């Protein structure tokens, strides 16, 4: 089973993953979502979210954008980073599973932004 985390504002992918009020964790089996959980964001502190999501079992994080430091921290926690997502979170995960997620632009690609 794979777990995919998405930072959300309501049901949509949050524009800023570190300040998203919640993360939806989608459990995926046989390329299909079979469970959704909501995890509250405990606060924006460098290095906290990658560790928290790793402990929740996340294998992938789908986000709108993310700075390079955060990407490195997620990779160090064995979580694949997919940036450039927008819209409804569940739809983004479904599109990712079908290899149809538009990830053309990391909404936070500047190097000096600390996440």
PDB file of N, CA and C in Angstrom:
ATOM      1  N   UNK A   1       0.838  -1.176   0.000  1.00  0.00           N
ATOM      2  CA  UNK A   1       0.000   0.000   0.000  1.00  0.00           C
ATOM      3  C   UNK A   1       0.886   1.243   0.000  1.00  0.00           C
ATOM      4  N   UNK A   2       0.470   2.222  -0.777  1.00  0.00           N
ATOM      5  CA  UNK A   2       1.176   3.498  -0.873  1.00  0.00           C
ATOM      6  C   UNK A   2       0.333   4.550  -0.171  1.00  0.00           C
ATOM      7  N   UNK A   3       1.000   5.524   0.462  1.00  0.00           N
ATOM      8  CA  UNK A   3       0.299   6.650   1.075  1.00  0.00           C
ATOM      9  C   UNK A   3       0.808   7.940   0.448  1.00  0.00           C
ATOM     10  N   UNK A   4      -0.151   8.761   0.022  1.00  0.00           N
ATOM     11  CA  UNK A   4       0.165  10.026  -0.633  1.00  0.00           C
ATOM     12  C   UNK A   4      -0.383  11.164   0.225  1.00  0.00           C
ATOM     13  N   UNK A   5       0.499  12.086   0.597  1.00  0.00           N
ATOM     14  CA  UNK A   5       0.116  13.240   1.411  1.00  0.00           C
ATOM     15  C   UNK A   5      -0.078  14.458   0.519  1.00  0.00           C
ATOM     16  N   UNK A   6      -1.092  15.255   0.855  1.00  0.00           N
ATOM     17  CA  UNK A   6      -1.358  16.496   0.124  1.00  0.00           C
ATOM     18  C   UNK A   6      -1.686  17.579   1.153  1.00  0.00           C
ATOM     19  N   UNK A   7      -0.939  18.704   1.145  1.00  0.00           N
ATOM     20  CA  UNK A   7      -1.303  19.814   2.022  1.00  0.00           C
ATOM     21  C   UNK A   7      -2.574  20.460   1.486  1.00  0.00           C
ATOM     22  N   UNK A   8      -3.557  20.672   2.375  1.00  0.00           N
ATOM     23  CA  UNK A   8      -4.842  21.172   1.895  1.00  0.00           C
ATOM     24  C   UNK A   8      -5.325  22.408   2.649  1.00  0.00           C
ATOM     25  N   UNK A   9      -6.043  23.208   1.907  1.00  0.00           N
ATOM     26  CA  UNK A   9      -6.821  24.338   2.422  1.00  0.00           C
ATOM     27  C   UNK A   9      -8.236  23.999   2.001  1.00  0.00           C
ATOM     28  N   UNK A  10      -9.072  23.569   2.923  1.00  0.00           N
ATOM     29  CA  UNK A  10     -10.374  23.014   2.558  1.00  0.00           C
ATOM     30  C   UNK A  10     -10.141  21.677   1.876  1.00  0.00           C
ATOM     31  N   UNK A  11     -10.643  21.541   0.657  1.00  0.00           N
ATOM     32  CA  UNK A  11     -10.411  20.310  -0.111  1.00  0.00           C
ATOM     33  C   UNK A  11      -9.392  20.506  -1.220  1.00  0.00           C
ATOM     34  N   UNK A  12      -8.816  21.698  -1.309  1.00  0.00           N
ATOM     35  CA  UNK A  12      -7.899  22.016  -2.400  1.00  0.00           C
ATOM     36  C   UNK A  12      -6.437  21.960  -1.962  1.00  0.00           C
ATOM     37  N   UNK A  13      -5.580  21.700  -2.930  1.00  0.00           N
ATOM     38  CA  UNK A  13      -4.137  21.717  -2.682  1.00  0.00           C
ATOM     39  C   UNK A  13      -3.771  23.115  -2.201  1.00  0.00           C
ATOM     40  N   UNK A  14      -3.113  23.197  -1.062  1.00  0.00           N
ATOM     41  CA  UNK A  14      -2.721  24.488  -0.497  1.00  0.00           C
ATOM     42  C   UNK A  14      -1.585  25.103  -1.306  1.00  0.00           C
ATOM     43  N   UNK A  15      -1.651  26.412  -1.476  1.00  0.00           N
ATOM     44  CA  UNK A  15      -0.608  27.115  -2.225  1.00  0.00           C
ATOM     45  C   UNK A  15       0.726  27.106  -1.484  1.00  0.00           C
ATOM     46  N   UNK A  16       0.713  26.947  -0.174  1.00  0.00           N
ATOM     47  CA  UNK A  16       1.949  26.950   0.614  1.00  0.00           C
ATOM     48  C   UNK A  16       1.907  25.769   1.573  1.00  0.00           C
ATOM     49  N   UNK A  17       2.624  24.710   1.233  1.00  0.00           N
ATOM     50  CA  UNK A  17       2.485  23.453   1.973  1.00  0.00           C
ATOM     51  C   UNK A  17       2.757  23.594   3.464  1.00  0.00           C
ATOM     52  N   UNK A  18       3.742  24.392   3.857  1.00  0.00           N
ATOM     53  CA  UNK A  18       4.109  24.506   5.266  1.00  0.00           C
ATOM     54  C   UNK A  18       3.082  25.203   6.120  1.00  0.00           C
ATOM     55  N   UNK A  19       2.237  26.024   5.500  1.00  0.00           N
ATOM     56  CA  UNK A  19       1.218  26.754   6.245  1.00  0.00           C
ATOM     57  C   UNK A  19      -0.179  26.191   6.034  1.00  0.00           C
ATOM     58  N   UNK A  20      -0.287  25.073   5.338  1.00  0.00           N
ATOM     59  CA  UNK A  20      -1.592  24.437   5.142  1.00  0.00           C
ATOM     60  C   UNK A  20      -2.132  24.003   6.504  1.00  0.00           C
ATOM     61  N   UNK A  21      -3.405  24.229   6.763  1.00  0.00           N
ATOM     62  CA  UNK A  21      -3.942  23.833   8.069  1.00  0.00           C
ATOM     63  C   UNK A  21      -3.977  22.318   8.276  1.00  0.00           C
ATOM     64  N   UNK A  22      -4.095  21.576   7.175  1.00  0.00           N
ATOM     65  CA  UNK A  22      -4.201  20.120   7.272  1.00  0.00           C
ATOM     66  C   UNK A  22      -3.458  19.443   6.120  1.00  0.00           C
ATOM     67  N   UNK A  23      -3.230  18.166   6.303  1.00  0.00           N
ATOM     68  CA  UNK A  23      -2.725  17.305   5.240  1.00  0.00           C
ATOM     69  C   UNK A  23      -3.717  16.175   5.085  1.00  0.00           C
ATOM     70  N   UNK A  24      -4.086  15.903   3.849  1.00  0.00           N
ATOM     71  CA  UNK A  24      -4.888  14.710   3.582  1.00  0.00           C
ATOM     72  C   UNK A  24      -3.911  13.602   3.228  1.00  0.00           C
ATOM     73  N   UNK A  25      -4.112  12.457   3.840  1.00  0.00           N
ATOM     74  CA  UNK A  25      -3.299  11.279   3.554  1.00  0.00           C
ATOM     75  C   UNK A  25      -4.202  10.282   2.835  1.00  0.00           C
ATOM     76  N   UNK A  26      -3.875  10.011   1.581  1.00  0.00           N
ATOM     77  CA  UNK A  26      -4.646   9.084   0.763  1.00  0.00           C
ATOM     78  C   UNK A  26      -3.927   7.736   0.735  1.00  0.00           C
ATOM     79  N   UNK A  27      -4.612   6.697   1.196  1.00  0.00           N
ATOM     80  CA  UNK A  27      -4.072   5.342   1.103  1.00  0.00           C
ATOM     81  C   UNK A  27      -4.474   4.771  -0.247  1.00  0.00           C
ATOM     82  N   UNK A  28      -3.484   4.227  -0.953  1.00  0.00           N
ATOM     83  CA  UNK A  28      -3.689   3.746  -2.315  1.00  0.00           C
ATOM     84  C   UNK A  28      -3.302   2.280  -2.405  1.00  0.00           C
ATOM     85  N   UNK A  29      -4.189   1.510  -2.989  1.00  0.00           N
ATOM     86  CA  UNK A  29      -3.903   0.103  -3.234  1.00  0.00           C
ATOM     87  C   UNK A  29      -4.409  -0.239  -4.628  1.00  0.00           C
ATOM     88  N   UNK A  30      -3.606  -0.964  -5.388  1.00  0.00           N
ATOM     89  CA  UNK A  30      -3.951  -1.304  -6.770  1.00  0.00           C
ATOM     90  C   UNK A  30      -4.300  -0.059  -7.580  1.00  0.00           C
ATOM     91  N   UNK A  31      -3.523   1.011  -7.353  1.00  0.00           N
ATOM     92  CA  UNK A  31      -3.655   2.274  -8.081  1.00  0.00           C
ATOM     93  C   UNK A  31      -5.010   2.955  -7.875  1.00  0.00           C
ATOM     94  N   UNK A  32      -5.647   2.676  -6.736  1.00  0.00           N
ATOM     95  CA  UNK A  32      -6.946   3.248  -6.432  1.00  0.00           C
ATOM     96  C   UNK A  32      -6.972   3.707  -4.975  1.00  0.00           C
ATOM     97  N   UNK A  33      -7.570   4.869  -4.727  1.00  0.00           N
ATOM     98  CA  UNK A  33      -7.687   5.395  -3.360  1.00  0.00           C
ATOM     99  C   UNK A  33      -8.698   4.552  -2.600  1.00  0.00           C
ATOM    100  N   UNK A  34      -8.292   4.040  -1.433  1.00  0.00           N
ATOM    101  CA  UNK A  34      -9.236   3.258  -0.646  1.00  0.00           C
ATOM    102  C   UNK A  34      -9.489   3.856   0.735  1.00  0.00           C
ATOM    103  N   UNK A  35      -8.763   4.936   1.081  1.00  0.00           N
ATOM    104  CA  UNK A  35      -8.963   5.554   2.391  1.00  0.00           C
ATOM    105  C   UNK A  35      -8.386   6.961   2.377  1.00  0.00           C
ATOM    106  N   UNK A  36      -9.062   7.879   3.081  1.00  0.00           N
ATOM    107  CA  UNK A  36      -8.568   9.246   3.265  1.00  0.00           C
ATOM    108  C   UNK A  36      -8.525   9.549   4.757  1.00  0.00           C
ATOM    109  N   UNK A  37      -7.435  10.147   5.183  1.00  0.00           N
ATOM    110  CA  UNK A  37      -7.306  10.590   6.566  1.00  0.00           C
ATOM    111  C   UNK A  37      -6.901  12.056   6.547  1.00  0.00           C
ATOM    112  N   UNK A  38      -7.214  12.762   7.614  1.00  0.00           N
ATOM    113  CA  UNK A  38      -6.806  14.156   7.743  1.00  0.00           C
ATOM    114  C   UNK A  38      -5.866  14.267   8.930  1.00  0.00           C
ATOM    115  N   UNK A  39      -4.736  14.907   8.679  1.00  0.00           N
ATOM    116  CA  UNK A  39      -3.715  15.113   9.704  1.00  0.00           C
ATOM    117  C   UNK A  39      -3.552  16.613   9.898  1.00  0.00           C
ATOM    118  N   UNK A  40      -3.685  17.067  11.131  1.00  0.00           N
ATOM    119  CA  UNK A  40      -3.542  18.496  11.404  1.00  0.00           C
ATOM    120  C   UNK A  40      -2.078  18.899  11.328  1.00  0.00           C
ATOM    121  N   UNK A  41      -1.827  20.061  10.740  1.00  0.00           N
ATOM    122  CA  UNK A  41      -0.473  20.604  10.668  1.00  0.00           C
ATOM    123  C   UNK A  41      -0.110  21.143  12.052  1.00  0.00           C
ATOM    124  N   UNK A  42       0.930  20.597  12.684  1.00  0.00           N
ATOM    125  CA  UNK A  42       1.297  21.034  14.030  1.00  0.00           C
ATOM    126  C   UNK A  42       2.026  22.377  14.055  1.00  0.00           C
ATOM    127  N   UNK A  43       2.351  22.917  12.903  1.00  0.00           N
ATOM    128  CA  UNK A  43       3.041  24.201  12.849  1.00  0.00           C
ATOM    129  C   UNK A  43       4.183  24.162  11.866  1.00  0.00           C
ATOM    130  N   UNK A  44       4.568  25.317  11.418  1.00  0.00           N
ATOM    131  CA  UNK A  44       5.605  25.441  10.391  1.00  0.00           C
ATOM    132  C   UNK A  44       6.966  25.588  11.057  1.00  0.00           C
ATOM    133  N   UNK A  45       7.689  24.492  11.101  1.00  0.00           N
ATOM    134  CA  UNK A  45       9.054  24.492  11.619  1.00  0.00           C
ATOM    135  C   UNK A  45       9.897  23.675  10.662  1.00  0.00           C
ATOM    136  N   UNK A  46      11.032  24.208  10.205  1.00  0.00           N
ATOM    137  CA  UNK A  46      11.857  23.468   9.252  1.00  0.00           C
ATOM    138  C   UNK A  46      12.183  22.053   9.748  1.00  0.00           C
ATOM    139  N   UNK A  47      11.903  21.085   8.890  1.00  0.00           N
ATOM    140  CA  UNK A  47      12.221  19.692   9.197  1.00  0.00           C
ATOM    141  C   UNK A  47      11.129  18.932   9.917  1.00  0.00           C
ATOM    142  N   UNK A  48      10.136  19.614  10.483  1.00  0.00           N
ATOM    143  CA  UNK A  48       9.086  18.945  11.244  1.00  0.00           C
ATOM    144  C   UNK A  48       8.127  18.158  10.353  1.00  0.00           C
ATOM    145  N   UNK A  49       7.648  18.773   9.279  1.00  0.00           N
ATOM    146  CA  UNK A  49       6.645  18.118   8.433  1.00  0.00           C
ATOM    147  C   UNK A  49       7.165  16.875   7.720  1.00  0.00           C
ATOM    148  N   UNK A  50       8.387  16.889   7.163  1.00  0.00           N
ATOM    149  CA  UNK A  50       8.878  15.650   6.552  1.00  0.00           C
ATOM    150  C   UNK A  50       8.918  14.486   7.546  1.00  0.00           C
ATOM    151  N   UNK A  51       9.350  14.761   8.761  1.00  0.00           N
ATOM    152  CA  UNK A  51       9.417  13.708   9.779  1.00  0.00           C
ATOM    153  C   UNK A  51       8.011  13.236  10.158  1.00  0.00           C
ATOM    154  N   UNK A  52       7.096  14.182  10.365  1.00  0.00           N
ATOM    155  CA  UNK A  52       5.723  13.852  10.733  1.00  0.00           C
ATOM    156  C   UNK A  52       5.048  13.004   9.656  1.00  0.00           C
ATOM    157  N   UNK A  53       5.198  13.410   8.395  1.00  0.00           N
ATOM    158  CA  UNK A  53       4.564  12.668   7.306  1.00  0.00           C
ATOM    159  C   UNK A  53       5.222  11.306   7.092  1.00  0.00           C
ATOM    160  N   UNK A  54       6.520  11.226   7.330  1.00  0.00           N
ATOM    161  CA  UNK A  54       7.202   9.929   7.274  1.00  0.00           C
ATOM    162  C   UNK A  54       6.633   8.997   8.340  1.00  0.00           C
ATOM    163  N   UNK A  55       6.444   9.512   9.546  1.00  0.00           N
ATOM    164  CA  UNK A  55       5.887   8.705  10.631  1.00  0.00           C
ATOM    165  C   UNK A  55       4.443   8.294  10.337  1.00  0.00           C
ATOM    166  N   UNK A  56       3.721   9.103   9.544  1.00  0.00           N
ATOM    167  CA  UNK A  56       2.347   8.762   9.143  1.00  0.00           C
ATOM    168  C   UNK A  56       2.334   7.752   7.998  1.00  0.00           C
ATOM    169  N   UNK A  57       3.516   7.407   7.485  1.00  0.00           N
ATOM    170  CA  UNK A  57       3.614   6.396   6.437  1.00  0.00           C
ATOM    171  C   UNK A  57       3.596   6.927   5.018  1.00  0.00           C
ATOM    172  N   UNK A  58       3.681   8.260   4.857  1.00  0.00           N
ATOM    173  CA  UNK A  58       3.628   8.830   3.507  1.00  0.00           C
ATOM    174  C   UNK A  58       4.833   8.417   2.668  1.00  0.00           C
ATOM    175  N   UNK A  59       4.559   8.042   1.428  1.00  0.00           N
ATOM    176  CA  UNK A  59       5.598   7.699   0.457  1.00  0.00           C
ATOM    177  C   UNK A  59       5.821   8.832  -0.529  1.00  0.00           C
ATOM    178  N   UNK A  60       4.774   9.650  -0.721  1.00  0.00           N
ATOM    179  CA  UNK A  60       4.772  10.716  -1.721  1.00  0.00           C
ATOM    180  C   UNK A  60       4.089  11.932  -1.110  1.00  0.00           C
ATOM    181  N   UNK A  61       4.578  13.130  -1.446  1.00  0.00           N
ATOM    182  CA  UNK A  61       3.848  14.348  -1.139  1.00  0.00           C
ATOM    183  C   UNK A  61       3.601  15.078  -2.455  1.00  0.00           C
ATOM    184  N   UNK A  62       2.347  15.444  -2.668  1.00  0.00           N
ATOM    185  CA  UNK A  62       1.963  16.219  -3.843  1.00  0.00           C
ATOM    186  C   UNK A  62       1.658  17.623  -3.344  1.00  0.00           C
ATOM    187  N   UNK A  63       2.354  18.614  -3.884  1.00  0.00           N
ATOM    188  CA  UNK A  63       2.204  19.986  -3.414  1.00  0.00           C
ATOM    189  C   UNK A  63       2.138  20.957  -4.583  1.00  0.00           C
ATOM    190  N   UNK A  64       1.724  22.169  -4.279  1.00  0.00           N
ATOM    191  CA  UNK A  64       1.729  23.227  -5.277  1.00  0.00           C
ATOM    192  C   UNK A  64       3.172  23.649  -5.541  1.00  0.00           C
ATOM    193  N   UNK A  65       3.871  23.936  -4.470  1.00  0.00           N
ATOM    194  CA  UNK A  65       5.257  24.354  -4.596  1.00  0.00           C
ATOM    195  C   UNK A  65       6.022  24.086  -3.322  1.00  0.00           C
ATOM    196  N   UNK A  66       7.338  24.093  -3.450  1.00  0.00           N
ATOM    197  CA  UNK A  66       8.183  23.779  -2.311  1.00  0.00           C
ATOM    198  C   UNK A  66       9.591  24.259  -2.602  1.00  0.00           C
ATOM    199  N   UNK A  67      10.237  24.822  -1.598  1.00  0.00           N
ATOM    200  CA  UNK A  67      11.619  25.258  -1.743  1.00  0.00           C
ATOM    201  C   UNK A  67      12.583  24.078  -1.762  1.00  0.00           C
ATOM    202  N   UNK A  68      13.782  24.313  -2.248  1.00  0.00           N
ATOM    203  CA  UNK A  68      14.767  23.244  -2.393  1.00  0.00           C
ATOM    204  C   UNK A  68      15.150  22.618  -1.055  1.00  0.00           C
ATOM    205  N   UNK A  69      15.237  23.419  -0.002  1.00  0.00           N
ATOM    206  CA  UNK A  69      15.577  22.865   1.319  1.00  0.00           C
ATOM    207  C   UNK A  69      14.524  21.864   1.774  1.00  0.00           C
ATOM    208  N   UNK A  70      13.261  22.217   1.585  1.00  0.00           N
ATOM    209  CA  UNK A  70      12.177  21.320   1.974  1.00  0.00           C
ATOM    210  C   UNK A  70      12.190  20.049   1.125  1.00  0.00           C
ATOM    211  N   UNK A  71      12.430  20.190  -0.162  1.00  0.00           N
ATOM    212  CA  UNK A  71      12.506  19.018  -1.047  1.00  0.00           C
ATOM    213  C   UNK A  71      13.580  18.062  -0.547  1.00  0.00           C
ATOM    214  N   UNK A  72      14.730  18.602  -0.193  1.00  0.00           N
ATOM    215  CA  UNK A  72      15.830  17.775   0.318  1.00  0.00           C
ATOM    216  C   UNK A  72      15.428  17.074   1.617  1.00  0.00           C
ATOM    217  N   UNK A  73      14.753  17.798   2.517  1.00  0.00           N
ATOM    218  CA  UNK A  73      14.325  17.192   3.776  1.00  0.00           C
ATOM    219  C   UNK A  73      13.330  16.062   3.550  1.00  0.00           C
ATOM    220  N   UNK A  74      12.404  16.246   2.611  1.00  0.00           N
ATOM    221  CA  UNK A  74      11.459  15.168   2.303  1.00  0.00           C
ATOM    222  C   UNK A  74      12.190  13.969   1.719  1.00  0.00           C
ATOM    223  N   UNK A  75      13.110  14.210   0.808  1.00  0.00           N
ATOM    224  CA  UNK A  75      13.858  13.103   0.210  1.00  0.00           C
ATOM    225  C   UNK A  75      14.681  12.371   1.258  1.00  0.00           C
ATOM    226  N   UNK A  76      15.234  13.109   2.223  1.00  0.00           N
ATOM    227  CA  UNK A  76      15.987  12.491   3.316  1.00  0.00           C
ATOM    228  C   UNK A  76      15.088  11.625   4.197  1.00  0.00           C
ATOM    229  N   UNK A  77      13.792  11.898   4.183  1.00  0.00           N
ATOM    230  CA  UNK A  77      12.812  11.098   4.922  1.00  0.00           C
ATOM    231  C   UNK A  77      12.123  10.078   4.020  1.00  0.00           C
ATOM    232  N   UNK A  78      12.733   9.832   2.853  1.00  0.00           N
ATOM    233  CA  UNK A  78      12.264   8.822   1.903  1.00  0.00           C
ATOM    234  C   UNK A  78      10.848   9.093   1.401  1.00  0.00           C
ATOM    235  N   UNK A  79      10.539  10.378   1.179  1.00  0.00           N
ATOM    236  CA  UNK A  79       9.248  10.772   0.627  1.00  0.00           C
ATOM    237  C   UNK A  79       9.496  11.445  -0.717  1.00  0.00           C
ATOM    238  N   UNK A  80       8.892  10.892  -1.760  1.00  0.00           N
ATOM    239  CA  UNK A  80       9.011  11.460  -3.103  1.00  0.00           C
ATOM    240  C   UNK A  80       8.224  12.764  -3.160  1.00  0.00           C
ATOM    241  N   UNK A  81       8.808  13.792  -3.770  1.00  0.00           N
ATOM    242  CA  UNK A  81       8.173  15.101  -3.870  1.00  0.00           C
ATOM    243  C   UNK A  81       7.676  15.329  -5.299  1.00  0.00           C
ATOM    244  N   UNK A  82       6.391  15.727  -5.399  1.00  0.00           N
ATOM    245  CA  UNK A  82       5.788  16.065  -6.679  1.00  0.00           C
ATOM    246  C   UNK A  82       5.221  17.471  -6.528  1.00  0.00           C
ATOM    247  N   UNK A  83       5.765  18.434  -7.258  1.00  0.00           N
ATOM    248  CA  UNK A  83       5.317  19.826  -7.175  1.00  0.00           C
ATOM    249  C   UNK A  83       4.585  20.248  -8.444  1.00  0.00           C
ATOM    250  N   UNK A  84       3.824  21.319  -8.317  1.00  0.00           N
ATOM    251  CA  UNK A  84       3.119  21.892  -9.453  1.00  0.00           C
ATOM    252  C   UNK A  84       1.635  21.588  -9.461  1.00  0.00           C
ATOM    253  N   UNK A  85       1.134  20.918  -8.419  1.00  0.00           N
ATOM    254  CA  UNK A  85      -0.279  20.542  -8.380  1.00  0.00           C
ATOM    255  C   UNK A  85      -1.155  21.711  -7.948  1.00  0.00           C
ATOM    256  N   UNK A  86      -2.397  21.670  -8.369  1.00  0.00           N
ATOM    257  CA  UNK A  86      -3.377  22.662  -7.943  1.00  0.00           C
ATOM    258  C   UNK A  86      -4.755  22.023  -8.031  1.00  0.00           C
ATOM    259  N   UNK A  87      -5.755  22.742  -7.531  1.00  0.00           N
ATOM    260  CA  UNK A  87      -7.120  22.250  -7.597  1.00  0.00           C
ATOM    261  C   UNK A  87      -7.464  21.332  -6.446  1.00  0.00           C
ATOM    262  N   UNK A  88      -8.476  20.519  -6.659  1.00  0.00           N
ATOM    263  CA  UNK A  88      -8.982  19.630  -5.619  1.00  0.00           C
ATOM    264  C   UNK A  88      -7.962  18.526  -5.334  1.00  0.00           C
ATOM    265  N   UNK A  89      -7.692  18.266  -4.051  1.00  0.00           N
ATOM    266  CA  UNK A  89      -6.636  17.340  -3.639  1.00  0.00           C
ATOM    267  C   UNK A  89      -6.865  15.915  -4.147  1.00  0.00           C
ATOM    268  N   UNK A  90      -8.086  15.412  -3.995  1.00  0.00           N
ATOM    269  CA  UNK A  90      -8.364  14.032  -4.424  1.00  0.00           C
ATOM    270  C   UNK A  90      -8.179  13.891  -5.931  1.00  0.00           C
ATOM    271  N   UNK A  91      -8.615  14.889  -6.684  1.00  0.00           N
ATOM    272  CA  UNK A  91      -8.433  14.863  -8.135  1.00  0.00           C
ATOM    273  C   UNK A  91      -6.947  14.875  -8.491  1.00  0.00           C
ATOM    274  N   UNK A  92      -6.152  15.655  -7.756  1.00  0.00           N
ATOM    275  CA  UNK A  92      -4.704  15.683  -8.003  1.00  0.00           C
ATOM    276  C   UNK A  92      -4.091  14.302  -7.776  1.00  0.00           C
ATOM    277  N   UNK A  93      -4.514  13.619  -6.728  1.00  0.00           N
ATOM    278  CA  UNK A  93      -3.991  12.267  -6.451  1.00  0.00           C
ATOM    279  C   UNK A  93      -4.434  11.300  -7.545  1.00  0.00           C
ATOM    280  N   UNK A  94      -5.694  11.371  -7.938  1.00  0.00           N
ATOM    281  CA  UNK A  94      -6.185  10.488  -9.004  1.00  0.00           C
ATOM    282  C   UNK A  94      -5.423  10.733 -10.304  1.00  0.00           C
ATOM    283  N   UNK A  95      -5.177  11.998 -10.620  1.00  0.00           N
ATOM    284  CA  UNK A  95      -4.400  12.307 -11.827  1.00  0.00           C
ATOM    285  C   UNK A  95      -2.967  11.806 -11.705  1.00  0.00           C
ATOM    286  N   UNK A  96      -2.376  11.924 -10.534  1.00  0.00           N
ATOM    287  CA  UNK A  96      -1.024  11.406 -10.298  1.00  0.00           C
ATOM    288  C   UNK A  96      -1.001   9.893 -10.540  1.00  0.00           C
ATOM    289  N   UNK A  97      -1.983   9.208 -10.032  1.00  0.00           N
ATOM    290  CA  UNK A  97      -2.034   7.750 -10.188  1.00  0.00           C
ATOM    291  C   UNK A  97      -2.189   7.328 -11.651  1.00  0.00           C
ATOM    292  N   UNK A  98      -2.802   8.202 -12.464  1.00  0.00           N
ATOM    293  CA  UNK A  98      -2.964   7.918 -13.895  1.00  0.00           C
ATOM    294  C   UNK A  98      -1.833   8.535 -14.732  1.00  0.00           C
ATOM    295  N   UNK A  99      -0.799   9.069 -14.063  1.00  0.00           N
ATOM    296  CA  UNK A  99       0.299   9.766 -14.745  1.00  0.00           C
ATOM    297  C   UNK A  99      -0.205  10.924 -15.590  1.00  0.00           C
ATOM    298  N   UNK A 100      -1.230  11.631 -15.075  1.00  0.00           N
ATOM    299  CA  UNK A 100      -1.813  12.753 -15.805  1.00  0.00           C
ATOM    300  C   UNK A 100      -1.791  14.045 -14.998  1.00  0.00           C
ATOM    301  N   UNK A 101      -1.026  14.082 -13.916  1.00  0.00           N
ATOM    302  CA  UNK A 101      -0.960  15.285 -13.086  1.00  0.00           C
ATOM    303  C   UNK A 101      -0.069  16.313 -13.755  1.00  0.00           C
ATOM    304  N   UNK A 102      -0.597  17.525 -13.933  1.00  0.00           N
ATOM    305  CA  UNK A 102       0.189  18.610 -14.524  1.00  0.00           C
ATOM    306  C   UNK A 102       1.139  19.139 -13.461  1.00  0.00           C
ATOM    307  N   UNK A 103       2.411  18.869 -13.633  1.00  0.00           N
ATOM    308  CA  UNK A 103       3.436  19.294 -12.678  1.00  0.00           C
ATOM    309  C   UNK A 103       4.434  20.195 -13.375  1.00  0.00           C
ATOM    310  N   UNK A 104       3.922  21.047 -14.235  1.00  0.00           N
ATOM    311  CA  UNK A 104       4.805  21.857 -15.069  1.00  0.00           C
ATOM    312  C   UNK A 104       5.528  22.952 -14.316  1.00  0.00           C
ATOM    313  N   UNK A 105       5.001  23.376 -13.168  1.00  0.00           N
ATOM    314  CA  UNK A 105       5.644  24.495 -12.491  1.00  0.00           C
ATOM    315  C   UNK A 105       5.616  24.323 -10.983  1.00  0.00           C
ATOM    316  N   UNK A 106       6.784  24.441 -10.350  1.00  0.00           N
ATOM    317  CA  UNK A 106       6.882  24.463  -8.902  1.00  0.00           C
ATOM    318  C   UNK A 106       6.526  25.884  -8.477  1.00  0.00           C
ATOM    319  N   UNK A 107       5.417  26.049  -7.782  1.00  0.00           N
ATOM    320  CA  UNK A 107       4.943  27.384  -7.414  1.00  0.00           C
ATOM    321  C   UNK A 107       5.869  28.079  -6.422  1.00  0.00           C
ATOM    322  N   UNK A 108       6.843  27.387  -5.908  1.00  0.00           N
ATOM    323  CA  UNK A 108       7.789  27.993  -4.980  1.00  0.00           C
ATOM    324  C   UNK A 108       9.187  27.526  -5.341  1.00  0.00           C
ATOM    325  N   UNK A 109       9.687  28.018  -6.430  1.00  0.00           N
ATOM    326  CA  UNK A 109      10.964  27.504  -6.939  1.00  0.00           C
ATOM    327  C   UNK A 109      12.155  28.361  -6.555  1.00  0.00           C
ATOM    328  N   UNK A 110      11.932  29.465  -5.835  1.00  0.00           N
ATOM    329  CA  UNK A 110      13.079  30.292  -5.493  1.00  0.00           C
ATOM    330  C   UNK A 110      13.876  29.654  -4.367  1.00  0.00           C
ATOM    331  N   UNK A 111      15.187  29.727  -4.498  1.00  0.00           N
ATOM    332  CA  UNK A 111      16.098  29.000  -3.611  1.00  0.00           C
ATOM    333  C   UNK A 111      16.185  29.558  -2.197  1.00  0.00           C
ATOM    334  N   UNK A 112      15.993  30.860  -2.012  1.00  0.00           N
ATOM    335  CA  UNK A 112      16.251  31.444  -0.704  1.00  0.00           C
ATOM    336  C   UNK A 112      15.036  31.448   0.221  1.00  0.00           C
ATOM    337  N   UNK A 113      13.928  30.905  -0.207  1.00  0.00           N
ATOM    338  CA  UNK A 113      12.734  30.876   0.617  1.00  0.00           C
ATOM    339  C   UNK A 113      12.847  29.707   1.594  1.00  0.00           C
ATOM    340  N   UNK A 114      12.797  29.975   2.871  1.00  0.00           N
ATOM    341  CA  UNK A 114      12.942  28.889   3.834  1.00  0.00           C
ATOM    342  C   UNK A 114      11.561  28.327   4.182  1.00  0.00           C
ATOM    343  N   UNK A 115      11.411  27.042   4.007  1.00  0.00           N
ATOM    344  CA  UNK A 115      10.147  26.358   4.327  1.00  0.00           C
ATOM    345  C   UNK A 115      10.407  25.438   5.496  1.00  0.00           C
TER     346      UNK A 115
END
